[in-house]
């Protein structure tokens, strides 16, 4: 009942060697009794962030079911409104300030692990956690039916918990020697770029200092566009500023960008990943956040495998360290241009729909329509411009943003966008409808009924309102793509089992699923997984364009993608 909770201490110890150990039930006795309850299909278990608890209990061979998750309930009902952590929801919904973790475990060097927390403090903290989860659950669960969110919660978000626990436990094998070699190469590249930067600047300076860099670029060299920030009075030297200068043909900003990139790849990936390999499994085990992105997209941490840059050769090389076990292959299957396909469907833009049905090169087709040039023998730059517009439009890009991307004038970029809308009027109407719906309702929806709430859509502040309007256009598209891949992931284990395959789903990275399979199974895996992914919308949604999944098979992730 609300207000009543219990804590069962199992492995508490004392830091004082003379003091007696706390009296508690032996772990070996407690676990079999708890297992019976936690696995009992007639008893509902409620947790806040259940995936974490399920993963911990799986170490003791306890498969918790059935489960409800107050964090996921909050996310399904109020995605985009606020965060969904227990402490915030407790304050927001119950007016109750929970005991901070640092109050029981300490901070900094004085912080202890929970097994060293005295029993009286542990009881209050842990029992409050359980109590608040129950209270939140009762309030949130009661909203599912009236707010028509039962299907999304019960058929998509809740069943995904178990899928993700299995993927996190599986992990992916990483070769530390490849990472170590790449770290050395990046160090050499960094040193070479430093010398290049000092030569171009005509003096040595601290490249990591925005203040010193700004003085060199805009003070000493007098490059255009230098703006001082209000707080520090230093020149702004963010990536967008340097990109703009590099696009104008200035060598120093380009070298600084390259230097930053190389150092980021080394510190964030090649160095850090070596320490994140589990010594017992030889694999890295990322953790998926189910409520990290308001569109419903999964995000990943410790390590973040979704942010490995793939647009540069150096970034792509990092994926070569992710390898298959001997006798196995990695299989990557990803949706081809899923967001553009969904845009064509949702905007009811028949020209684009037909192009996808006919299997045309969509960027070349767009270039042909917008710029009036034949597809045969098309200049690659023209196709590149069309590609930038295609992807930019669904993110609500401005003429200024497109001009920056393509290195052209604002007037030219505005002409490109105007021609695009003239050729594809359905896209403009879709964008206007999305903004209007968002303004009227305070949220937008995916094709599967996920609501994405928009802060600031009716704000008087132009910048905030503009940001929310761009979200209103993109969120239904990105959110629907996220829903589709989740539906594919949910159906995958049963499909693999039915096909008699032992392949394992290891990773999800945006529109891509990565599997590990015995070499002899790879072709059958591709056929099975592709079938699941390309039909993931059925029977709830019938798309006017086909979904297409591309597959690659190799010894490492870079070659498989």
Foldseek 3Di string as FASTA:
>chain_A
DQPDFWDADEQAAAPDPVDDGDDHDHPVVPLVVVLCVQCPQVDEAEAAPVLVVQLVVVVVVRHGDDYHHLQVLCLQVPQAPDHRDLQVCCCVPVVDHADDPCVQQNDDPSGDPPSHGDPVSSGRRVRVNRSSRVVSCVVSVVVCVVVVRVCCVPVFVSLVSVLLSQQLVVFFAFALVLLVVLLVVLVVLLVVLQVVLCVLLVHHDDLPDQQVVQCSQCVVVNQPDWDADDPPRGTDLDPLVLLLSVLVPDDNSVSSVVSVVSVCCNVQASPQVSVQQDPVPNGHRWHWDQSPHSLRAIFIPSPTPQPQDDPDPSSLSSQQRGFFDPLKWKKKKFWDPQLLLVLCQLLVQVVQQVCQQVVHPSLLVLLCQLVVDDSPPDDVLSSVLSVLCSVCVLLVHALVRSCSVSVHDSVVSVSSNVSSCVRGVSSVVSLVVLLVCCVVPQWAAALVGRTRGFPQCVPPDPVNVSNSSSCSRNSNSLSNLNSLVSLLSSCPVVLCVVLVFPKRFHDDHRRMTMIMGRPVCVVVSCVSSQVSSQCSCPPSDDTSGTIGMDMAIGRTDSRGD
